[in-house]
Amino acid sequence: MKHLLTTLLLAAAAASPALAAEDHQPKQGGVVVETKAGDMELVAKPDLIVIHVSDHGKAMKLTSATGKVTVFNGNDKTEAPLALAGDKLEAKGSFKIGAGTKVLADVALNGKPAVAARFTLK
């Protein structure tokens, strides 16, 4: 019995990192970072930046959100406010997007203090 329990515990421990890593995979084709407020996935297009927020792989219900994004591409720097759009945040504008572009998002969700999320586009 002791051997069976040990085997089950080892199997559970081995599976945990795989399950945790799966939680942090992009689900919308963007780039994911882990923050204190939850996982944030940034999907960037030249005219729209979208941030999806999840908690342990499940979309987070957003009741309020404020913030801004700052896009850094070479010497160019562009800022835009984020607005709540259903279950995600959106920033509209004209952004220079490409591999290596860095995006800083300062976001306050559901009445909690703002967190900073740093993304590097691939």
C-alpha atoms as a PDB file:
ATOM      1  CA  MET A   1       0.000   0.000   0.000  1.00  0.00           C
ATOM      2  CA  LYS A   2       2.824   2.382   0.881  1.00  0.00           C
ATOM      3  CA  HIS A   3       4.445   1.701  -2.516  1.00  0.00           C
ATOM      4  CA  LEU A   4       1.169   2.477  -4.326  1.00  0.00           C
ATOM      5  CA  LEU A   5       0.745   5.766  -2.458  1.00  0.00           C
ATOM      6  CA  THR A   6       4.332   6.777  -3.232  1.00  0.00           C
ATOM      7  CA  THR A   7       3.824   5.938  -6.914  1.00  0.00           C
ATOM      8  CA  LEU A   8       0.622   7.998  -7.081  1.00  0.00           C
ATOM      9  CA  LEU A   9       2.262  10.988  -5.387  1.00  0.00           C
ATOM     10  CA  LEU A  10       5.234  10.863  -7.765  1.00  0.00           C
ATOM     11  CA  ALA A  11       2.925  10.632 -10.780  1.00  0.00           C
ATOM     12  CA  ALA A  12       0.903  13.634  -9.583  1.00  0.00           C
ATOM     13  CA  ALA A  13       4.068  15.669  -8.974  1.00  0.00           C
ATOM     14  CA  ALA A  14       5.390  14.828 -12.432  1.00  0.00           C
ATOM     15  CA  ALA A  15       2.114  15.884 -14.093  1.00  0.00           C
ATOM     16  CA  SER A  16       1.821  19.210 -12.237  1.00  0.00           C
ATOM     17  CA  PRO A  17       4.532  21.126 -14.167  1.00  0.00           C
ATOM     18  CA  ALA A  18       3.021  20.014 -17.472  1.00  0.00           C
ATOM     19  CA  LEU A  19      -0.415  21.221 -16.424  1.00  0.00           C
ATOM     20  CA  ALA A  20       0.985  24.509 -15.097  1.00  0.00           C
ATOM     21  CA  ALA A  21       2.936  25.115 -18.316  1.00  0.00           C
ATOM     22  CA  GLU A  22      -0.218  24.481 -20.354  1.00  0.00           C
ATOM     23  CA  ASP A  23      -1.981  27.294 -18.446  1.00  0.00           C
ATOM     24  CA  HIS A  24       0.570  29.796 -19.758  1.00  0.00           C
ATOM     25  CA  GLN A  25       0.299  28.905 -23.448  1.00  0.00           C
ATOM     26  CA  PRO A  26      -1.205  31.475 -25.841  1.00  0.00           C
ATOM     27  CA  LYS A  27      -4.831  30.717 -26.631  1.00  0.00           C
ATOM     28  CA  GLN A  28      -5.397  33.686 -28.985  1.00  0.00           C
ATOM     29  CA  GLY A  29      -2.133  33.503 -30.955  1.00  0.00           C
ATOM     30  CA  GLY A  30      -0.396  36.198 -28.914  1.00  0.00           C
ATOM     31  CA  VAL A  31       2.306  36.448 -26.265  1.00  0.00           C
ATOM     32  CA  VAL A  32       1.568  35.439 -22.652  1.00  0.00           C
ATOM     33  CA  VAL A  33       3.102  36.838 -19.459  1.00  0.00           C
ATOM     34  CA  GLU A  34       2.273  35.946 -15.893  1.00  0.00           C
ATOM     35  CA  THR A  35       1.391  38.802 -13.509  1.00  0.00           C
ATOM     36  CA  LYS A  36       0.045  39.110  -9.973  1.00  0.00           C
ATOM     37  CA  ALA A  37      -3.370  39.910 -11.482  1.00  0.00           C
ATOM     38  CA  GLY A  38      -3.383  36.792 -13.691  1.00  0.00           C
ATOM     39  CA  ASP A  39      -1.979  35.715 -17.017  1.00  0.00           C
ATOM     40  CA  MET A  40      -2.171  38.324 -19.754  1.00  0.00           C
ATOM     41  CA  GLU A  41      -2.053  37.480 -23.429  1.00  0.00           C
ATOM     42  CA  LEU A  42      -1.281  40.333 -25.790  1.00  0.00           C
ATOM     43  CA  VAL A  43      -2.411  40.149 -29.409  1.00  0.00           C
ATOM     44  CA  ALA A  44      -0.946  43.051 -31.397  1.00  0.00           C
ATOM     45  CA  LYS A  45      -2.021  44.334 -34.803  1.00  0.00           C
ATOM     46  CA  PRO A  46      -1.055  47.612 -36.504  1.00  0.00           C
ATOM     47  CA  ASP A  47      -4.401  49.225 -35.570  1.00  0.00           C
ATOM     48  CA  LEU A  48      -5.460  47.274 -32.458  1.00  0.00           C
ATOM     49  CA  ILE A  49      -3.864  45.830 -29.334  1.00  0.00           C
ATOM     50  CA  VAL A  50      -5.927  43.329 -27.369  1.00  0.00           C
ATOM     51  CA  ILE A  51      -5.150  41.925 -23.920  1.00  0.00           C
ATOM     52  CA  HIS A  52      -6.910  38.769 -22.750  1.00  0.00           C
ATOM     53  CA  VAL A  53      -6.711  38.029 -19.003  1.00  0.00           C
ATOM     54  CA  SER A  54      -6.953  34.529 -17.561  1.00  0.00           C
ATOM     55  CA  ASP A  55      -6.580  32.790 -14.235  1.00  0.00           C
ATOM     56  CA  HIS A  56      -5.136  29.262 -14.358  1.00  0.00           C
ATOM     57  CA  GLY A  57      -6.080  28.918 -18.020  1.00  0.00           C
ATOM     58  CA  LYS A  58      -9.661  30.161 -17.667  1.00  0.00           C
ATOM     59  CA  ALA A  59     -10.794  33.553 -18.956  1.00  0.00           C
ATOM     60  CA  MET A  60     -11.173  36.035 -16.110  1.00  0.00           C
ATOM     61  CA  LYS A  61     -14.503  37.840 -15.744  1.00  0.00           C
ATOM     62  CA  LEU A  62     -13.728  41.534 -15.982  1.00  0.00           C
ATOM     63  CA  THR A  63     -16.140  43.963 -14.338  1.00  0.00           C
ATOM     64  CA  SER A  64     -13.854  46.986 -14.559  1.00  0.00           C
ATOM     65  CA  ALA A  65     -10.488  47.713 -16.082  1.00  0.00           C
ATOM     66  CA  THR A  66      -8.331  50.733 -16.829  1.00  0.00           C
ATOM     67  CA  GLY A  67      -4.853  51.178 -18.158  1.00  0.00           C
ATOM     68  CA  LYS A  68      -2.626  52.033 -21.053  1.00  0.00           C
ATOM     69  CA  VAL A  69      -0.156  50.385 -23.378  1.00  0.00           C
ATOM     70  CA  THR A  70       3.176  51.773 -24.474  1.00  0.00           C
ATOM     71  CA  VAL A  71       4.627  50.271 -27.655  1.00  0.00           C
ATOM     72  CA  PHE A  72       8.397  50.493 -28.208  1.00  0.00           C
ATOM     73  CA  ASN A  73       9.747  49.736 -31.670  1.00  0.00           C
ATOM     74  CA  GLY A  74      13.295  50.976 -32.182  1.00  0.00           C
ATOM     75  CA  ASN A  75      13.227  54.719 -31.468  1.00  0.00           C
ATOM     76  CA  ASP A  76       9.436  54.894 -31.866  1.00  0.00           C
ATOM     77  CA  LYS A  77       7.239  55.044 -28.773  1.00  0.00           C
ATOM     78  CA  THR A  78       3.437  55.041 -28.974  1.00  0.00           C
ATOM     79  CA  GLU A  79       0.981  55.212 -26.062  1.00  0.00           C
ATOM     80  CA  ALA A  80      -2.724  54.413 -26.103  1.00  0.00           C
ATOM     81  CA  PRO A  81      -5.392  53.996 -23.427  1.00  0.00           C
ATOM     82  CA  LEU A  82      -6.867  50.570 -22.796  1.00  0.00           C
ATOM     83  CA  ALA A  83     -10.644  50.203 -22.618  1.00  0.00           C
ATOM     84  CA  LEU A  84     -12.738  47.312 -21.406  1.00  0.00           C
ATOM     85  CA  ALA A  85     -14.362  45.528 -24.369  1.00  0.00           C
ATOM     86  CA  GLY A  86     -16.409  42.603 -23.104  1.00  0.00           C
ATOM     87  CA  ASP A  87     -14.022  40.101 -21.543  1.00  0.00           C
ATOM     88  CA  LYS A  88     -10.837  41.770 -22.816  1.00  0.00           C
ATOM     89  CA  LEU A  89      -9.004  45.097 -22.996  1.00  0.00           C
ATOM     90  CA  GLU A  90      -8.451  46.966 -26.242  1.00  0.00           C
ATOM     91  CA  ALA A  91      -6.271  49.870 -27.358  1.00  0.00           C
ATOM     92  CA  LYS A  92      -6.953  51.395 -30.762  1.00  0.00           C
ATOM     93  CA  GLY A  93      -4.420  53.430 -32.686  1.00  0.00           C
ATOM     94  CA  SER A  94      -1.585  53.191 -35.153  1.00  0.00           C
ATOM     95  CA  PHE A  95       1.184  50.911 -33.894  1.00  0.00           C
ATOM     96  CA  LYS A  96       4.470  49.822 -35.451  1.00  0.00           C
ATOM     97  CA  ILE A  97       4.353  46.084 -34.749  1.00  0.00           C
ATOM     98  CA  GLY A  98       6.988  43.479 -35.591  1.00  0.00           C
ATOM     99  CA  ALA A  99       9.263  40.846 -34.137  1.00  0.00           C
ATOM    100  CA  GLY A 100      11.173  42.307 -31.208  1.00  0.00           C
ATOM    101  CA  THR A 101       8.619  45.060 -30.543  1.00  0.00           C
ATOM    102  CA  LYS A 102       8.236  45.607 -26.806  1.00  0.00           C
ATOM    103  CA  VAL A 103       4.915  46.475 -25.197  1.00  0.00           C
ATOM    104  CA  LEU A 104       4.401  47.691 -21.646  1.00  0.00           C
ATOM    105  CA  ALA A 105       0.849  47.401 -20.326  1.00  0.00           C
ATOM    106  CA  ASP A 106      -0.149  49.100 -17.064  1.00  0.00           C
ATOM    107  CA  VAL A 107      -3.490  47.591 -16.109  1.00  0.00           C
ATOM    108  CA  ALA A 108      -5.848  47.800 -13.123  1.00  0.00           C
ATOM    109  CA  LEU A 109      -8.456  45.022 -13.103  1.00  0.00           C
ATOM    110  CA  ASN A 110     -11.657  44.667 -11.100  1.00  0.00           C
ATOM    111  CA  GLY A 111     -10.781  47.470  -8.678  1.00  0.00           C
ATOM    112  CA  LYS A 112      -7.346  46.060  -7.781  1.00  0.00           C
ATOM    113  CA  PRO A 113      -4.097  48.062  -7.974  1.00  0.00           C
ATOM    114  CA  ALA A 114      -2.415  48.386 -11.336  1.00  0.00           C
ATOM    115  CA  VAL A 115       0.131  45.829 -12.462  1.00  0.00           C
ATOM    116  CA  ALA A 116       2.729  46.148 -15.189  1.00  0.00           C
ATOM    117  CA  ALA A 117       3.045  43.484 -17.860  1.00  0.00           C
ATOM    118  CA  ARG A 118       6.009  43.497 -20.244  1.00  0.00           C
ATOM    119  CA  PHE A 119       5.715  41.730 -23.582  1.00  0.00           C
ATOM    120  CA  THR A 120       8.206  41.126 -26.384  1.00  0.00           C
ATOM    121  CA  LEU A 121       6.602  40.206 -29.707  1.00  0.00           C
ATOM    122  CA  LYS A 122       7.925  37.246 -31.653  1.00  0.00           C
END
